[in-house]
Amino acid sequence: MNRLVSDQRGYILIAALLVLLLAGLLSGPVLSYMVSGLRAGHTFETGAAELYAADAGVQEAMWRIQGKGERGALPGSCGEPTRSYPAITVNGKTVTYNITYVNNITGTLTYKIVSVATSGDGSSTRIDSYVSYGSDWGEILDYGVLALDGKISIKGGSILDSFPEERKTHVCANGNIEISQNGKVYGRATATGTIDRKENVDPGPALEGQPPMSFVLPDTQKYLEAANEGELIEGNLKVNASRTLGPARITGNLEIEAQAVVTLGGPVWVDGTLSTAGGSVIKGEGPLVAVQGASLSGSAQPLADKMPVIISTRGPIVAGGTTESYMVLYAPQGKITLGGSVDIQGAVIGKEVEINVAKKVRVCYNTLVVARVRVYRTTVTSWEVSRG
């Protein structure tokens, strides 16, 4: 009896059969899961490669819009609204793309880009993207002198011209344009009111009584935000030696004394006023914003491809001195007054503008300066991906 109870022959077979049964039950789902995983991995890899390839098509379309490389013709408001371009190959994927003109709002163009990347097995990934191309400064820098809501007075021997191409300035006012006997505008003039001495606008035309003009103004709030990310200077700041300034916010006034050279390293926001003495120099881009107004006797000079911009968001700007300055002056809520022997190379935009400078000294619409300030940018406003 003891021998019969302790004999376990045959139990191993039963255990082996149970293991085989369990393995048979599990192998099907496991293999199916593995196949699904492999397929999902392949699909993911293929989709990612197609996405990157389609993105390359969007980037090439943006390259064309920016006018770089082989731009080719772009669609516009007249003629062909959508234009397709030759296919490209990226990572073994065939990429086709087209550009559709949407609108042009105050100099900022909007386009729709459709880019499709197709694999050899016929699968595809599509990107629909809307992009805008334009400048923060819009069309207001298309004018040598612009009065947004007031008159332009050109007095004494003031000469308004352009560079590098002469006789191409444009003086524009939402109001009257008053030209004294010796004042000259070498270009054209446009006013919603009247233009005195239209014969002093050469080669013209001098158009008066035009409909009121509206302009999209640059967003100066972003300069405040950028300045707040830099140095905070409490109270007034007096600069009497050369230094780099910016990004920075000054809660008081900024005074730049004679012979001091201030190199702008980013936006500088002054809650009070800005004053520069004769012999002082402002370099760089900035811009330099003085909320309550600016009095300029020093000069402004370019630094590499950077050009100074002097802004007063609420107050006036008065510029004098005897030196040549390369800059853009902008006072949307204040009057800009240019006097003495100042020679401004750039553009002047104010609520109202008065120019009374010495004979043979110009207020010059310098397109090279304006181009450095304008700086066109391409901005993606929407992005949608779909799989085919």
Protein backbone atom coordinates (compact mmCIF):
# COMPACT_ATOMS: atom_id res chain seq x y z
CA MET A 1 0.00 0.00 0.00
CA ASN A 2 2.83 2.42 0.87
CA ARG A 3 4.49 1.75 -2.49
CA LEU A 4 1.28 2.45 -4.38
CA VAL A 5 0.68 5.79 -2.60
CA SER A 6 4.22 7.10 -3.15
CA ASP A 7 4.33 6.17 -6.84
CA GLN A 8 3.92 9.47 -8.84
CA ARG A 9 4.69 8.19 -12.30
CA GLY A 10 2.48 10.01 -14.94
CA TYR A 11 2.09 13.33 -13.06
CA ILE A 12 4.85 14.95 -15.15
CA LEU A 13 2.96 14.11 -18.30
CA ILE A 14 -0.18 15.71 -16.98
CA ALA A 15 1.75 18.88 -16.01
CA ALA A 16 3.41 18.99 -19.42
CA LEU A 17 0.05 18.67 -21.13
CA LEU A 18 -1.35 21.50 -19.03
CA VAL A 19 1.61 23.75 -19.93
CA LEU A 20 1.22 22.93 -23.62
CA LEU A 21 -2.50 23.68 -23.42
CA LEU A 22 -1.88 27.02 -21.70
CA ALA A 23 0.82 27.93 -24.21
CA GLY A 24 -1.48 27.06 -27.09
CA LEU A 25 -4.22 29.25 -25.64
CA LEU A 26 -1.86 32.23 -25.16
CA SER A 27 0.26 32.01 -28.30
CA GLY A 28 -2.44 33.22 -30.66
CA PRO A 29 -3.23 36.48 -28.81
CA VAL A 30 0.48 37.11 -28.11
CA LEU A 31 1.42 36.64 -31.75
CA SER A 32 -1.51 38.83 -32.80
CA TYR A 33 -0.39 41.50 -30.34
CA MET A 34 3.18 41.32 -31.66
CA VAL A 35 2.00 41.66 -35.26
CA SER A 36 -0.21 44.60 -34.31
CA GLY A 37 2.71 46.20 -32.50
CA LEU A 38 4.98 45.74 -35.50
CA ARG A 39 2.35 47.21 -37.77
CA ALA A 40 1.76 50.12 -35.40
CA GLY A 41 5.49 50.76 -35.16
CA HIS A 42 5.83 50.69 -38.92
CA THR A 43 2.84 53.01 -39.29
CA PHE A 44 4.26 55.38 -36.68
CA GLU A 45 7.68 55.44 -38.31
CA THR A 46 6.15 55.95 -41.75
CA GLY A 47 3.81 58.66 -40.44
CA ALA A 48 6.64 60.46 -38.67
CA ALA A 49 8.81 60.36 -41.79
CA GLU A 50 5.90 61.64 -43.89
CA LEU A 51 5.20 64.39 -41.35
CA TYR A 52 8.79 65.59 -41.45
CA ALA A 53 8.76 65.47 -45.26
CA ALA A 54 5.47 67.41 -45.47
CA ASP A 55 6.90 69.96 -43.05
CA ALA A 56 9.85 70.38 -45.40
CA GLY A 57 7.35 71.24 -48.14
CA VAL A 58 5.81 73.93 -45.92
CA GLN A 59 9.26 75.33 -45.19
CA GLU A 60 10.12 75.50 -48.89
CA ALA A 61 6.82 77.28 -49.58
CA MET A 62 7.63 79.81 -46.85
CA TRP A 63 11.08 80.21 -48.39
CA ARG A 64 9.42 81.16 -51.67
CA ILE A 65 7.05 83.60 -49.95
CA GLN A 66 10.02 85.33 -48.31
CA GLY A 67 11.60 85.80 -51.72
CA LYS A 68 14.65 83.67 -50.98
CA GLY A 69 16.18 81.12 -53.30
CA GLU A 70 14.21 80.47 -56.48
CA ARG A 71 11.07 82.33 -55.52
CA GLY A 72 9.14 81.93 -58.75
CA ALA A 73 5.77 83.57 -59.28
CA LEU A 74 3.48 83.77 -56.26
CA PRO A 75 -0.31 83.74 -56.44
CA GLY A 76 -2.01 87.08 -55.99
CA SER A 77 -5.35 88.86 -55.89
CA CYS A 78 -5.33 89.07 -59.68
CA GLY A 79 -4.92 86.07 -61.94
CA GLU A 80 -4.10 82.65 -60.56
CA PRO A 81 -5.22 82.41 -56.88
CA THR A 82 -3.43 79.08 -56.26
CA ARG A 83 -0.09 78.05 -57.65
CA SER A 84 1.53 74.60 -57.49
CA TYR A 85 5.27 74.06 -57.56
CA PRO A 86 7.55 71.22 -58.71
CA ALA A 87 7.58 68.16 -56.42
CA ILE A 88 10.58 67.53 -54.19
CA THR A 89 11.91 64.33 -52.59
CA VAL A 90 12.60 64.28 -48.85
CA ASN A 91 13.70 61.09 -47.02
CA GLY A 92 12.40 58.96 -49.86
CA LYS A 93 8.97 60.63 -49.77
CA THR A 94 7.50 62.58 -52.69
CA VAL A 95 6.38 66.03 -51.52
CA THR A 96 3.99 68.22 -53.49
CA TYR A 97 2.85 71.63 -52.29
CA ASN A 98 0.87 74.65 -53.40
CA ILE A 99 0.36 78.22 -52.19
CA THR A 100 -2.98 80.04 -52.20
CA TYR A 101 -3.30 83.82 -51.86
CA VAL A 102 -5.84 84.69 -49.12
CA ASN A 103 -5.66 88.45 -48.55
CA ASN A 104 -3.47 91.52 -48.12
CA ILE A 105 -4.37 93.59 -45.07
CA THR A 106 -2.36 96.82 -44.84
CA GLY A 107 0.73 95.33 -46.33
CA THR A 108 0.63 91.98 -44.49
CA LEU A 109 0.03 89.12 -46.90
CA THR A 110 -1.78 85.95 -45.85
CA TYR A 111 -1.28 82.67 -47.70
CA LYS A 112 -2.53 79.10 -47.30
CA ILE A 113 0.07 76.36 -47.84
CA VAL A 114 -0.95 72.76 -48.55
CA SER A 115 1.91 70.24 -48.46
CA VAL A 116 1.45 66.47 -49.04
CA ALA A 117 4.16 63.83 -48.49
CA THR A 118 3.48 60.44 -50.12
CA SER A 119 5.28 57.13 -49.44
CA GLY A 120 5.93 54.35 -51.92
CA ASP A 121 3.03 52.26 -50.56
CA GLY A 122 0.57 55.10 -51.26
CA SER A 123 0.13 56.35 -47.68
CA SER A 124 0.38 60.10 -47.23
CA THR A 125 0.46 62.91 -44.68
CA ARG A 126 -0.98 66.35 -45.42
CA ILE A 127 -0.33 69.69 -43.70
CA ASP A 128 -2.68 72.65 -44.14
CA SER A 129 -1.08 75.82 -42.84
CA TYR A 130 -1.92 79.52 -42.92
CA VAL A 131 0.99 81.95 -42.79
CA SER A 132 1.27 85.74 -42.79
CA TYR A 133 4.14 87.66 -44.31
CA GLY A 134 4.71 91.28 -43.48
CA SER A 135 6.29 93.83 -41.20
CA ASP A 136 5.29 95.05 -37.76
CA TRP A 137 5.51 98.53 -39.27
CA GLY A 138 3.08 97.80 -42.08
CA GLU A 139 2.76 100.49 -44.72
CA ILE A 140 3.56 103.55 -42.61
CA LEU A 141 7.22 103.28 -43.62
CA ASP A 142 6.23 103.71 -47.26
CA TYR A 143 6.32 107.47 -46.61
CA GLY A 144 9.23 109.81 -46.03
CA VAL A 145 7.09 112.09 -43.85
CA LEU A 146 3.67 111.03 -42.58
CA ALA A 147 1.18 112.96 -40.42
CA LEU A 148 -1.32 110.47 -39.03
CA ASP A 149 -3.88 113.03 -37.87
CA GLY A 150 -2.74 116.58 -38.52
CA LYS A 151 -0.84 118.85 -40.85
CA ILE A 152 2.69 118.85 -42.22
CA SER A 153 4.46 122.21 -42.20
CA ILE A 154 7.57 122.56 -44.38
CA LYS A 155 9.20 125.88 -43.59
CA GLY A 156 12.31 127.91 -44.40
CA GLY A 157 14.75 126.24 -46.74
CA SER A 158 13.72 122.70 -45.82
CA ILE A 159 14.43 120.14 -48.52
CA LEU A 160 12.71 116.74 -48.55
CA ASP A 161 14.37 114.19 -50.81
CA SER A 162 15.17 110.47 -50.98
CA PHE A 163 18.19 108.16 -51.09
CA PRO A 164 19.72 106.24 -52.82
CA GLU A 165 17.26 107.07 -55.59
CA GLU A 166 16.59 110.80 -55.63
CA ARG A 167 13.21 112.53 -56.09
CA LYS A 168 11.27 109.55 -54.73
CA THR A 169 10.08 110.72 -51.32
CA HIS A 170 6.36 110.73 -50.47
CA VAL A 171 4.88 113.28 -48.05
CA CYS A 172 1.42 112.35 -46.77
CA ALA A 173 -0.97 114.01 -44.30
CA ASN A 174 -4.39 113.33 -42.85
CA GLY A 175 -4.78 117.10 -42.94
CA ASN A 176 -3.13 119.98 -44.79
CA ILE A 177 0.38 120.27 -46.21
CA GLU A 178 1.84 123.75 -45.84
CA ILE A 179 4.96 124.57 -47.87
CA SER A 180 6.78 127.86 -47.46
CA GLN A 181 8.19 129.74 -50.44
CA ASN A 182 11.62 128.08 -50.29
CA GLY A 183 10.55 124.64 -49.11
CA LYS A 184 10.93 121.77 -51.54
CA VAL A 185 9.47 118.28 -51.79
CA TYR A 186 11.38 116.20 -54.33
CA GLY A 187 8.82 113.49 -54.88
CA ARG A 188 5.08 113.58 -54.37
CA ALA A 189 2.59 114.80 -51.80
CA THR A 190 -0.85 113.55 -50.71
CA ALA A 191 -3.23 115.36 -48.35
CA THR A 192 -6.81 114.96 -47.24
CA GLY A 193 -6.92 118.75 -46.99
CA THR A 194 -5.12 121.36 -49.05
CA ILE A 195 -1.53 121.66 -50.29
CA ASP A 196 0.03 125.10 -50.38
CA ARG A 197 2.44 125.88 -53.20
CA LYS A 198 1.87 122.67 -55.12
CA GLU A 199 4.46 123.85 -57.64
CA ASN A 200 7.13 123.15 -55.00
CA VAL A 201 6.35 119.44 -55.24
CA ASP A 202 8.59 118.09 -57.97
CA PRO A 203 8.13 115.85 -59.97
CA GLY A 204 4.75 115.32 -58.25
CA PRO A 205 1.92 114.68 -58.25
CA ALA A 206 0.51 116.85 -55.48
CA LEU A 207 -2.90 115.38 -54.62
CA GLU A 208 -5.22 117.23 -52.23
CA GLY A 209 -8.75 116.59 -51.00
CA GLN A 210 -8.14 112.84 -50.79
CA PRO A 211 -10.32 110.52 -48.66
CA PRO A 212 -9.20 110.04 -45.02
CA MET A 213 -6.48 107.43 -44.71
CA SER A 214 -6.24 104.77 -42.00
CA PHE A 215 -3.08 102.95 -41.00
CA VAL A 216 -2.35 99.88 -38.89
CA LEU A 217 0.22 101.03 -36.35
CA PRO A 218 3.00 98.89 -34.88
CA ASP A 219 2.33 97.24 -31.52
CA THR A 220 4.64 99.08 -29.12
CA GLN A 221 3.39 97.03 -26.17
CA LYS A 222 5.69 94.20 -27.18
CA TYR A 223 8.68 96.54 -26.70
CA LEU A 224 7.55 97.11 -23.12
CA GLU A 225 7.26 93.37 -22.55
CA ALA A 226 10.75 92.79 -23.96
CA ALA A 227 12.19 95.64 -21.87
CA ASN A 228 10.62 94.21 -18.70
CA GLU A 229 12.54 90.97 -19.26
CA GLY A 230 15.82 92.89 -18.97
CA GLU A 231 17.31 95.29 -16.42
CA LEU A 232 15.01 97.38 -14.22
CA ILE A 233 16.39 100.85 -13.48
CA GLU A 234 14.45 102.72 -10.83
CA GLY A 235 14.20 106.50 -11.20
CA ASN A 236 16.21 108.67 -13.58
CA LEU A 237 19.30 107.54 -15.48
CA LYS A 238 22.04 109.92 -16.60
CA VAL A 239 24.61 108.50 -19.04
CA ASN A 240 27.89 110.41 -19.20
CA ALA A 241 30.15 107.69 -20.63
CA SER A 242 29.89 105.10 -23.35
CA ARG A 243 27.88 102.02 -22.40
CA THR A 244 25.52 99.32 -23.66
CA LEU A 245 21.90 99.67 -22.60
CA GLY A 246 19.04 97.25 -23.07
CA PRO A 247 16.93 95.39 -22.82
CA ALA A 248 15.96 97.62 -19.93
CA ARG A 249 13.11 99.58 -18.39
CA ILE A 250 13.74 102.97 -16.80
CA THR A 251 10.97 104.18 -14.50
CA GLY A 252 12.10 107.82 -14.68
CA ASN A 253 13.84 109.91 -17.36
CA LEU A 254 16.84 109.05 -19.54
CA GLU A 255 19.48 111.73 -20.18
CA ILE A 256 22.44 111.10 -22.50
CA GLU A 257 25.13 113.71 -21.99
CA ALA A 258 27.60 115.13 -24.53
CA GLN A 259 30.13 112.69 -26.06
CA ALA A 260 28.43 109.66 -24.52
CA VAL A 261 27.81 106.73 -26.88
CA VAL A 262 24.88 104.47 -26.02
CA THR A 263 24.73 101.14 -27.84
CA LEU A 264 21.27 99.62 -27.69
CA GLY A 265 21.43 95.93 -26.86
CA GLY A 266 17.67 95.48 -27.00
CA PRO A 267 14.46 97.44 -26.42
CA VAL A 268 14.75 100.29 -23.89
CA TRP A 269 11.52 101.61 -22.37
CA VAL A 270 11.58 104.97 -20.57
CA ASP A 271 8.48 105.82 -18.55
CA GLY A 272 9.43 109.50 -18.60
CA THR A 273 11.31 111.53 -21.20
CA LEU A 274 14.47 111.11 -23.28
CA SER A 275 17.02 113.87 -23.87
CA THR A 276 20.30 113.70 -25.79
CA ALA A 277 22.99 116.39 -25.77
CA GLY A 278 25.06 117.52 -28.75
CA GLY A 279 27.91 115.16 -29.49
CA SER A 280 26.14 112.14 -28.03
CA VAL A 281 25.43 109.10 -30.20
CA ILE A 282 22.80 106.35 -30.13
CA LYS A 283 23.70 103.12 -31.94
CA GLY A 284 21.98 99.82 -32.53
CA GLU A 285 18.38 98.82 -33.01
CA GLY A 286 16.45 99.06 -29.76
CA PRO A 287 13.99 100.58 -30.23
CA LEU A 288 14.26 103.35 -27.65
CA VAL A 289 10.79 104.28 -26.38
CA ALA A 290 10.24 107.42 -24.30
CA VAL A 291 6.59 107.51 -23.25
CA GLN A 292 6.35 111.21 -22.40
CA GLY A 293 8.47 112.62 -25.24
CA ALA A 294 11.99 113.10 -26.55
CA SER A 295 14.37 116.03 -27.13
CA LEU A 296 17.23 115.07 -29.43
CA SER A 297 20.37 117.13 -30.02
CA GLY A 298 22.76 114.23 -30.51
CA SER A 299 22.98 111.88 -33.47
CA ALA A 300 21.92 108.32 -34.21
CA GLN A 301 24.09 105.95 -36.22
CA PRO A 302 23.73 102.42 -37.59
CA LEU A 303 25.45 99.43 -36.02
CA ALA A 304 26.04 96.67 -38.60
CA ASP A 305 22.56 95.95 -39.92
CA LYS A 306 20.78 97.52 -36.93
CA MET A 307 19.17 100.94 -37.15
CA PRO A 308 17.91 103.13 -34.28
CA VAL A 309 14.20 103.79 -33.85
CA ILE A 310 13.13 106.57 -31.49
CA ILE A 311 9.52 106.34 -30.30
CA SER A 312 7.33 108.46 -28.08
CA THR A 313 4.02 106.75 -27.44
CA ARG A 314 2.27 109.78 -25.91
CA GLY A 315 4.41 112.88 -26.19
CA PRO A 316 6.21 114.96 -28.83
CA ILE A 317 9.64 114.52 -30.38
CA VAL A 318 11.87 117.54 -30.97
CA ALA A 319 15.07 117.01 -32.97
CA GLY A 320 17.77 119.64 -33.57
CA GLY A 321 21.53 119.67 -33.55
CA THR A 322 23.88 119.90 -36.50
CA THR A 323 24.74 116.29 -37.28
CA GLU A 324 23.47 113.66 -39.69
CA SER A 325 21.33 110.97 -38.06
CA TYR A 326 20.17 107.64 -39.44
CA MET A 327 16.94 106.68 -37.73
CA VAL A 328 13.16 106.46 -37.80
CA LEU A 329 11.19 108.89 -35.61
CA TYR A 330 7.72 107.80 -34.52
CA ALA A 331 5.25 109.74 -32.34
CA PRO A 332 1.68 108.55 -33.03
CA GLN A 333 0.12 110.79 -30.37
CA GLY A 334 2.49 113.78 -30.52
CA LYS A 335 3.98 116.38 -32.80
CA ILE A 336 7.41 115.90 -34.35
CA THR A 337 9.41 119.09 -34.79
CA LEU A 338 12.67 119.15 -36.76
CA GLY A 339 14.78 122.29 -36.61
CA GLY A 340 18.25 123.77 -36.72
CA SER A 341 20.60 122.04 -39.11
CA VAL A 342 19.45 118.49 -38.40
CA ASP A 343 19.78 116.02 -41.27
CA ILE A 344 17.48 113.02 -40.82
CA GLN A 345 18.15 109.96 -42.97
CA GLY A 346 15.23 107.59 -42.55
CA ALA A 347 11.54 108.38 -42.07
CA VAL A 348 9.41 110.64 -39.86
CA ILE A 349 5.94 109.57 -38.65
CA GLY A 350 3.97 111.66 -36.18
CA LYS A 351 0.47 112.80 -35.39
CA GLU A 352 1.61 116.15 -36.79
CA VAL A 353 4.96 117.16 -38.30
CA GLU A 354 6.75 120.50 -38.56
CA ILE A 355 10.01 120.77 -40.48
CA ASN A 356 12.06 123.95 -40.34
CA VAL A 357 15.69 123.14 -41.06
CA ALA A 358 18.54 125.10 -42.59
CA LYS A 359 18.82 125.50 -46.32
CA LYS A 360 20.54 122.65 -48.18
CA VAL A 361 20.10 120.29 -45.24
CA ARG A 362 17.70 117.50 -46.06
CA VAL A 363 15.06 115.42 -44.39
CA CYS A 364 15.75 112.38 -46.49
CA TYR A 365 13.59 109.30 -47.01
CA ASN A 366 16.42 106.76 -46.90
CA THR A 367 15.11 103.42 -48.15
CA LEU A 368 18.22 101.62 -46.88
CA VAL A 369 17.46 102.75 -43.33
CA VAL A 370 13.78 101.92 -43.69
CA ALA A 371 14.52 98.43 -44.97
CA ARG A 372 16.59 97.68 -41.86
CA VAL A 373 13.82 98.91 -39.58
CA ARG A 374 10.94 97.31 -41.42
CA VAL A 375 12.20 93.68 -41.23
CA TYR A 376 9.66 91.36 -42.83
CA ARG A 377 8.72 88.21 -40.92
CA THR A 378 6.81 85.04 -41.75
CA THR A 379 4.40 83.92 -39.02
CA VAL A 380 2.51 80.61 -38.93
CA THR A 381 -1.03 81.31 -37.72
CA SER A 382 -2.51 77.79 -38.04
CA TRP A 383 -1.29 74.22 -38.61
CA GLU A 384 -3.42 71.10 -39.27
CA VAL A 385 -2.14 67.56 -39.98
CA SER A 386 -4.17 64.76 -41.60
CA ARG A 387 -3.31 61.23 -42.75
CA GLY A 388 -4.30 59.77 -46.07
